[in-house]
Amino acid sequence: MKTEKNIQDKVEQTFNVLEAMDKASVSPFFKDQTMRRLFTEEEKQNVWPWFTPKLQFGILVAIVVLNFLAFTQTDSDSISEDAIEDFVTTYELSDEDESSLFY
């Protein structure tokens, strides 16, 4: 019986809390702004309207084709060792006189 009375007291306390709550007042300006934002469709401002996905894909394909052509046209032996040695001696990048720990 005691637990039943405790439960009944808790239920009454809960209802008393609900009755004590007041209605929250909101300014009409806030409500109007919120409703306007909810129900108006915002237009997206497109910075570059001409830059469509089709154009983007076309540019991507063109870049890939140009890179492929450039890769196939270059000869890996076009820069010979003689040219590299001439470059090193011209700009004095060689350290032949000094010894190194790495070679």
Protein backbone atom coordinates (compact mmCIF):
# COMPACT_ATOMS: atom_id res chain seq x y z
CA MET A 1 0.00 0.00 0.00
CA LYS A 2 2.85 2.32 0.74
CA THR A 3 4.35 1.92 -2.75
CA GLU A 4 0.95 2.56 -4.29
CA LYS A 5 0.68 5.82 -2.35
CA ASN A 6 4.22 6.82 -3.46
CA ILE A 7 3.32 6.19 -7.07
CA GLN A 8 0.13 8.21 -6.72
CA ASP A 9 2.09 11.08 -5.14
CA LYS A 10 4.59 11.05 -8.03
CA VAL A 11 1.77 11.12 -10.58
CA GLU A 12 0.17 14.10 -8.82
CA GLN A 13 3.50 15.92 -8.67
CA THR A 14 3.96 15.37 -12.40
CA PHE A 15 0.52 16.83 -13.16
CA ASN A 16 1.21 19.79 -10.87
CA VAL A 17 4.40 20.55 -12.81
CA LEU A 18 2.48 20.45 -16.10
CA GLU A 19 -0.13 22.86 -14.75
CA ALA A 20 2.55 25.26 -13.53
CA MET A 21 4.07 25.70 -17.00
CA ASP A 22 3.28 28.95 -18.79
CA LYS A 23 2.94 29.47 -22.50
CA ALA A 24 6.14 30.84 -24.01
CA SER A 25 5.70 34.07 -25.89
CA VAL A 26 7.56 34.63 -29.13
CA SER A 27 7.86 37.93 -30.90
CA PRO A 28 5.85 38.14 -34.12
CA PHE A 29 8.94 39.37 -35.98
CA PHE A 30 10.79 36.12 -35.20
CA LYS A 31 7.80 34.03 -36.25
CA ASP A 32 7.39 35.93 -39.53
CA GLN A 33 11.06 35.61 -40.41
CA THR A 34 11.09 31.90 -39.60
CA MET A 35 7.95 31.18 -41.61
CA ARG A 36 9.25 33.18 -44.56
CA ARG A 37 12.51 31.23 -44.58
CA LEU A 38 10.72 27.91 -44.32
CA PHE A 39 8.25 28.45 -47.12
CA THR A 40 10.16 30.51 -49.66
CA GLU A 41 12.31 28.82 -52.19
CA GLU A 42 15.72 30.34 -52.29
CA GLU A 43 17.21 30.67 -55.73
CA LYS A 44 20.72 29.40 -56.01
CA GLN A 45 23.09 31.95 -57.40
CA ASN A 46 25.18 30.17 -59.96
CA VAL A 47 28.56 31.82 -60.37
CA TRP A 48 29.36 30.24 -63.71
CA PRO A 49 26.09 29.16 -65.34
CA TRP A 50 27.88 28.20 -68.56
CA PHE A 51 30.19 25.71 -66.75
CA THR A 52 27.82 22.77 -67.00
CA PRO A 53 28.69 19.14 -66.17
CA LYS A 54 28.83 18.32 -69.90
CA LEU A 55 31.47 21.00 -70.42
CA GLN A 56 33.38 19.84 -67.35
CA PHE A 57 33.43 16.28 -68.66
CA GLY A 58 34.57 17.45 -72.11
CA ILE A 59 37.45 19.44 -70.58
CA LEU A 60 38.45 16.45 -68.47
CA VAL A 61 38.53 14.18 -71.54
CA ALA A 62 40.57 16.75 -73.48
CA ILE A 63 43.13 17.02 -70.67
CA VAL A 64 43.45 13.25 -70.40
CA VAL A 65 43.92 12.90 -74.17
CA LEU A 66 46.53 15.68 -74.27
CA ASN A 67 48.43 14.11 -71.37
CA PHE A 68 48.34 10.72 -73.07
CA LEU A 69 49.62 12.19 -76.34
CA ALA A 70 52.37 14.11 -74.58
CA PHE A 71 53.42 10.98 -72.70
CA THR A 72 53.56 8.83 -75.83
CA GLN A 73 55.36 11.48 -77.91
CA THR A 74 58.18 12.13 -75.48
CA ASP A 75 61.19 9.96 -75.90
CA SER A 76 62.76 8.87 -72.63
CA ASP A 77 66.20 8.86 -74.27
CA SER A 78 65.83 12.42 -75.53
CA ILE A 79 67.88 13.68 -72.57
CA SER A 80 71.16 11.90 -72.94
CA GLU A 81 73.84 11.52 -70.32
CA ASP A 82 76.12 13.83 -72.34
CA ALA A 83 73.56 16.63 -72.14
CA ILE A 84 73.27 16.16 -68.38
CA GLU A 85 77.05 16.19 -67.95
CA ASP A 86 77.32 19.35 -70.05
CA PHE A 87 74.69 21.01 -67.89
CA VAL A 88 76.49 20.02 -64.68
CA THR A 89 79.85 21.30 -65.89
CA THR A 90 78.38 24.51 -67.33
CA TYR A 91 76.77 25.53 -64.07
CA GLU A 92 79.55 24.01 -61.94
CA LEU A 93 77.27 21.67 -60.05
CA SER A 94 79.85 18.91 -59.92
CA ASP A 95 81.72 18.04 -56.72
CA GLU A 96 84.35 15.81 -58.27
CA ASP A 97 87.19 17.33 -56.22
CA GLU A 98 85.52 16.86 -52.87
CA SER A 99 84.89 13.45 -51.35
CA SER A 100 81.51 12.47 -50.01
CA LEU A 101 80.27 9.98 -47.49
CA PHE A 102 77.63 8.70 -49.89
CA TYR A 103 79.81 7.53 -52.78
